[in-house]
Amino acid sequence: MSGVLPPAEVDAALEGRNLRWRREGDVLVKEVDRGNFAGALAYVNRVGALAEAANHHPDVDIRWSNVVLRLSTHSAGGLTARDLALAAEIDALEPEGD
């Protein structure tokens, strides 16, 4: 499960699974606005629980109410099925419109 996926396969998975992430080179990126700093922290804590359970951790940037998550399997040198799986779990934390 640690093999790097070709960019076209990642793009197809993002579209086919309706994942709300974008691919930037070898990284999946998701940006969300949680309304305020407390909302951003609560969201990051929920993401953190999923990341710990998966033993796969995104890079996290919090700027007041805005959270930017970046996923990549650094040890594999790119995007893998683990990134897509965690991206889907993170998407499930919030309703479609968020």
N, C-alpha and C. Protein backbone atom coordinates (compact mmCIF):
# COMPACT_ATOMS: atom_id res chain seq x y z
N MET A 1 0.82 -1.20 0.00
CA MET A 1 0.00 0.00 0.00
C MET A 1 0.86 1.26 0.00
N SER A 2 2.18 1.11 -0.05
CA SER A 2 3.04 2.28 0.03
C SER A 2 3.55 2.74 -1.33
N GLY A 3 3.08 2.14 -2.43
CA GLY A 3 3.55 2.52 -3.75
C GLY A 3 3.02 3.88 -4.18
N VAL A 4 3.89 4.68 -4.77
CA VAL A 4 3.50 6.00 -5.25
C VAL A 4 2.55 5.84 -6.44
N LEU A 5 1.47 6.58 -6.41
CA LEU A 5 0.46 6.53 -7.47
C LEU A 5 0.80 7.55 -8.56
N PRO A 6 0.54 7.20 -9.83
CA PRO A 6 0.75 8.17 -10.90
C PRO A 6 -0.24 9.33 -10.75
N PRO A 7 0.17 10.55 -11.16
CA PRO A 7 -0.71 11.71 -11.03
C PRO A 7 -2.09 11.50 -11.64
N ALA A 8 -2.18 10.86 -12.79
CA ALA A 8 -3.48 10.65 -13.43
C ALA A 8 -4.38 9.77 -12.56
N GLU A 9 -3.80 8.79 -11.89
CA GLU A 9 -4.58 7.92 -11.01
C GLU A 9 -5.08 8.68 -9.79
N VAL A 10 -4.24 9.56 -9.25
CA VAL A 10 -4.66 10.40 -8.12
C VAL A 10 -5.79 11.31 -8.55
N ASP A 11 -5.64 11.97 -9.68
CA ASP A 11 -6.68 12.88 -10.18
C ASP A 11 -8.00 12.14 -10.40
N ALA A 12 -7.93 10.95 -10.97
CA ALA A 12 -9.14 10.16 -11.20
C ALA A 12 -9.79 9.76 -9.88
N ALA A 13 -8.99 9.42 -8.90
CA ALA A 13 -9.53 9.05 -7.58
C ALA A 13 -10.18 10.25 -6.90
N LEU A 14 -9.56 11.41 -7.00
CA LEU A 14 -10.15 12.61 -6.39
C LEU A 14 -11.52 12.90 -7.00
N GLU A 15 -11.59 12.79 -8.31
CA GLU A 15 -12.87 13.06 -8.99
C GLU A 15 -13.86 11.93 -8.75
N GLY A 16 -13.43 10.71 -8.91
CA GLY A 16 -14.33 9.56 -8.79
C GLY A 16 -14.90 9.38 -7.40
N ARG A 17 -14.13 9.74 -6.38
CA ARG A 17 -14.60 9.61 -5.00
C ARG A 17 -15.20 10.91 -4.48
N ASN A 18 -15.27 11.93 -5.34
CA ASN A 18 -15.79 13.25 -4.95
C ASN A 18 -15.06 13.81 -3.74
N LEU A 19 -13.75 13.63 -3.70
CA LEU A 19 -12.96 14.16 -2.61
C LEU A 19 -12.75 15.66 -2.81
N ARG A 20 -12.87 16.40 -1.72
CA ARG A 20 -12.75 17.86 -1.77
C ARG A 20 -11.32 18.29 -1.44
N TRP A 21 -10.40 17.78 -2.26
CA TRP A 21 -8.98 18.09 -2.17
C TRP A 21 -8.50 18.43 -3.56
N ARG A 22 -7.36 19.09 -3.65
CA ARG A 22 -6.72 19.32 -4.95
C ARG A 22 -5.30 18.76 -4.87
N ARG A 23 -4.83 18.34 -6.01
CA ARG A 23 -3.45 17.84 -6.08
C ARG A 23 -2.55 18.97 -6.51
N GLU A 24 -1.48 19.18 -5.74
CA GLU A 24 -0.43 20.13 -6.10
C GLU A 24 0.86 19.33 -6.16
N GLY A 25 1.20 18.86 -7.35
CA GLY A 25 2.39 18.01 -7.50
C GLY A 25 2.19 16.71 -6.74
N ASP A 26 3.05 16.46 -5.76
CA ASP A 26 3.01 15.22 -4.98
C ASP A 26 2.31 15.41 -3.64
N VAL A 27 1.40 16.39 -3.57
CA VAL A 27 0.72 16.69 -2.31
C VAL A 27 -0.77 16.90 -2.57
N LEU A 28 -1.60 16.38 -1.66
CA LEU A 28 -3.02 16.69 -1.66
C LEU A 28 -3.23 17.86 -0.70
N VAL A 29 -4.03 18.84 -1.12
CA VAL A 29 -4.26 20.04 -0.32
C VAL A 29 -5.75 20.25 -0.13
N LYS A 30 -6.13 20.58 1.11
CA LYS A 30 -7.51 20.90 1.44
C LYS A 30 -7.50 22.17 2.28
N GLU A 31 -8.35 23.13 1.93
CA GLU A 31 -8.48 24.36 2.69
C GLU A 31 -9.92 24.47 3.18
N VAL A 32 -10.07 24.77 4.48
CA VAL A 32 -11.41 24.94 5.05
C VAL A 32 -11.42 26.18 5.92
N ASP A 33 -12.57 26.82 5.99
CA ASP A 33 -12.78 27.96 6.89
C ASP A 33 -13.77 27.50 7.94
N ARG A 34 -13.36 27.49 9.20
CA ARG A 34 -14.20 27.00 10.29
C ARG A 34 -14.88 28.13 11.05
N GLY A 35 -14.83 29.37 10.54
CA GLY A 35 -15.60 30.47 11.12
C GLY A 35 -14.88 31.27 12.18
N ASN A 36 -14.05 30.62 12.98
CA ASN A 36 -13.29 31.33 14.01
C ASN A 36 -12.15 30.42 14.47
N PHE A 37 -11.31 30.96 15.34
CA PHE A 37 -10.14 30.22 15.77
C PHE A 37 -10.53 28.96 16.56
N ALA A 38 -11.52 29.07 17.43
CA ALA A 38 -11.96 27.90 18.20
C ALA A 38 -12.47 26.80 17.27
N GLY A 39 -13.21 27.18 16.23
CA GLY A 39 -13.70 26.20 15.26
C GLY A 39 -12.56 25.54 14.50
N ALA A 40 -11.54 26.33 14.17
CA ALA A 40 -10.38 25.79 13.46
C ALA A 40 -9.64 24.78 14.35
N LEU A 41 -9.46 25.13 15.62
CA LEU A 41 -8.78 24.21 16.54
C LEU A 41 -9.57 22.92 16.74
N ALA A 42 -10.88 23.05 16.89
CA ALA A 42 -11.72 21.85 17.07
C ALA A 42 -11.62 20.94 15.85
N TYR A 43 -11.65 21.52 14.67
CA TYR A 43 -11.53 20.76 13.43
C TYR A 43 -10.18 20.04 13.37
N VAL A 44 -9.11 20.76 13.68
CA VAL A 44 -7.77 20.17 13.64
C VAL A 44 -7.66 19.03 14.65
N ASN A 45 -8.28 19.16 15.80
CA ASN A 45 -8.26 18.07 16.78
C ASN A 45 -8.97 16.83 16.24
N ARG A 46 -10.08 17.03 15.52
CA ARG A 46 -10.79 15.88 14.92
C ARG A 46 -9.94 15.25 13.82
N VAL A 47 -9.30 16.08 13.00
CA VAL A 47 -8.39 15.56 11.97
C VAL A 47 -7.24 14.81 12.64
N GLY A 48 -6.72 15.37 13.73
CA GLY A 48 -5.62 14.73 14.45
C GLY A 48 -5.97 13.35 14.97
N ALA A 49 -7.20 13.18 15.45
CA ALA A 49 -7.63 11.86 15.93
C ALA A 49 -7.64 10.85 14.79
N LEU A 50 -8.12 11.26 13.62
CA LEU A 50 -8.11 10.36 12.46
C LEU A 50 -6.68 10.04 12.04
N ALA A 51 -5.83 11.05 12.04
CA ALA A 51 -4.44 10.87 11.63
C ALA A 51 -3.72 9.91 12.58
N GLU A 52 -3.94 10.06 13.87
CA GLU A 52 -3.32 9.17 14.84
C GLU A 52 -3.79 7.73 14.64
N ALA A 53 -5.09 7.56 14.42
CA ALA A 53 -5.64 6.21 14.21
C ALA A 53 -5.05 5.57 12.96
N ALA A 54 -4.79 6.38 11.93
CA ALA A 54 -4.23 5.87 10.68
C ALA A 54 -2.71 5.81 10.70
N ASN A 55 -2.10 6.40 11.73
CA ASN A 55 -0.65 6.54 11.79
C ASN A 55 -0.12 7.18 10.50
N HIS A 56 -0.82 8.23 10.09
CA HIS A 56 -0.49 8.95 8.86
C HIS A 56 -0.90 10.40 9.09
N HIS A 57 0.04 11.33 9.07
CA HIS A 57 -0.20 12.67 9.59
C HIS A 57 -0.04 13.75 8.53
N PRO A 58 -1.08 14.58 8.36
CA PRO A 58 -0.98 15.69 7.42
C PRO A 58 -0.16 16.82 8.02
N ASP A 59 0.37 17.66 7.15
CA ASP A 59 0.91 18.94 7.59
C ASP A 59 -0.29 19.85 7.80
N VAL A 60 -0.27 20.63 8.87
CA VAL A 60 -1.42 21.45 9.25
C VAL A 60 -0.97 22.90 9.42
N ASP A 61 -1.73 23.82 8.82
CA ASP A 61 -1.49 25.25 8.96
C ASP A 61 -2.79 25.89 9.40
N ILE A 62 -2.78 26.58 10.53
CA ILE A 62 -3.97 27.28 11.02
C ILE A 62 -3.69 28.78 10.97
N ARG A 63 -4.59 29.50 10.33
CA ARG A 63 -4.54 30.97 10.28
C ARG A 63 -5.91 31.48 10.69
N TRP A 64 -6.08 31.77 11.95
CA TRP A 64 -7.32 32.16 12.59
C TRP A 64 -8.41 31.15 12.31
N SER A 65 -9.31 31.38 11.35
CA SER A 65 -10.40 30.43 11.08
C SER A 65 -10.08 29.48 9.93
N ASN A 66 -8.98 29.74 9.23
CA ASN A 66 -8.64 28.95 8.05
C ASN A 66 -7.64 27.85 8.40
N VAL A 67 -7.94 26.66 7.89
CA VAL A 67 -7.07 25.51 8.09
C VAL A 67 -6.66 24.99 6.71
N VAL A 68 -5.37 24.77 6.53
CA VAL A 68 -4.86 24.15 5.31
C VAL A 68 -4.21 22.84 5.72
N LEU A 69 -4.66 21.76 5.09
CA LEU A 69 -4.10 20.43 5.32
C LEU A 69 -3.34 20.00 4.07
N ARG A 70 -2.20 19.37 4.27
CA ARG A 70 -1.41 18.84 3.16
C ARG A 70 -1.06 17.39 3.48
N LEU A 71 -1.38 16.52 2.54
CA LEU A 71 -1.12 15.09 2.70
C LEU A 71 -0.16 14.60 1.63
N SER A 72 0.82 13.83 2.05
CA SER A 72 1.74 13.16 1.16
C SER A 72 2.43 12.07 1.98
N THR A 73 2.80 10.99 1.35
CA THR A 73 3.54 9.94 2.04
C THR A 73 5.02 10.21 1.82
N HIS A 74 5.60 10.96 2.75
CA HIS A 74 6.99 11.39 2.60
C HIS A 74 7.95 10.21 2.45
N SER A 75 7.68 9.15 3.22
CA SER A 75 8.58 7.99 3.17
C SER A 75 8.57 7.29 1.81
N ALA A 76 7.46 7.45 1.06
CA ALA A 76 7.37 6.84 -0.27
C ALA A 76 7.77 7.82 -1.36
N GLY A 77 7.84 9.10 -1.02
CA GLY A 77 8.23 10.11 -2.00
C GLY A 77 7.10 10.59 -2.89
N GLY A 78 5.86 10.50 -2.41
CA GLY A 78 4.73 10.99 -3.20
C GLY A 78 3.41 10.56 -2.61
N LEU A 79 2.40 10.57 -3.45
CA LEU A 79 1.04 10.24 -3.02
C LEU A 79 0.79 8.75 -3.16
N THR A 80 0.17 8.19 -2.12
CA THR A 80 -0.14 6.77 -2.09
C THR A 80 -1.61 6.57 -1.74
N ALA A 81 -2.02 5.32 -1.72
CA ALA A 81 -3.39 4.99 -1.33
C ALA A 81 -3.69 5.45 0.09
N ARG A 82 -2.68 5.50 0.95
CA ARG A 82 -2.88 5.97 2.33
C ARG A 82 -3.35 7.42 2.34
N ASP A 83 -2.82 8.24 1.45
CA ASP A 83 -3.22 9.64 1.39
C ASP A 83 -4.68 9.78 0.96
N LEU A 84 -5.06 9.01 -0.05
CA LEU A 84 -6.44 9.06 -0.52
C LEU A 84 -7.40 8.55 0.55
N ALA A 85 -7.01 7.52 1.27
CA ALA A 85 -7.87 6.96 2.32
C ALA A 85 -8.07 7.98 3.44
N LEU A 86 -6.99 8.62 3.88
CA LEU A 86 -7.13 9.62 4.95
C LEU A 86 -7.88 10.84 4.46
N ALA A 87 -7.67 11.24 3.21
CA ALA A 87 -8.41 12.37 2.65
C ALA A 87 -9.91 12.10 2.70
N ALA A 88 -10.32 10.89 2.36
CA ALA A 88 -11.74 10.53 2.40
C ALA A 88 -12.27 10.57 3.83
N GLU A 89 -11.49 10.08 4.78
CA GLU A 89 -11.92 10.13 6.18
C GLU A 89 -12.07 11.56 6.67
N ILE A 90 -11.14 12.42 6.29
CA ILE A 90 -11.21 13.82 6.69
C ILE A 90 -12.42 14.49 6.06
N ASP A 91 -12.69 14.22 4.78
CA ASP A 91 -13.87 14.78 4.14
C ASP A 91 -15.15 14.40 4.87
N ALA A 92 -15.19 13.20 5.43
CA ALA A 92 -16.40 12.71 6.12
C ALA A 92 -16.64 13.48 7.42
N LEU A 93 -15.69 14.26 7.89
CA LEU A 93 -15.88 15.05 9.11
C LEU A 93 -16.85 16.19 8.93
N GLU A 94 -17.07 16.59 7.70
CA GLU A 94 -17.87 17.79 7.47
C GLU A 94 -18.90 17.57 6.37
N PRO A 95 -20.01 18.28 6.46
CA PRO A 95 -21.01 18.19 5.39
C PRO A 95 -20.45 18.67 4.07
N GLU A 96 -21.09 18.25 2.99
CA GLU A 96 -20.66 18.56 1.62
C GLU A 96 -20.41 20.06 1.42
N GLY A 97 -21.24 20.93 1.95
CA GLY A 97 -21.14 22.36 1.69
C GLY A 97 -20.06 23.07 2.47
N ASP A 98 -19.47 22.44 3.46
CA ASP A 98 -18.48 23.14 4.30
C ASP A 98 -17.16 23.31 3.59
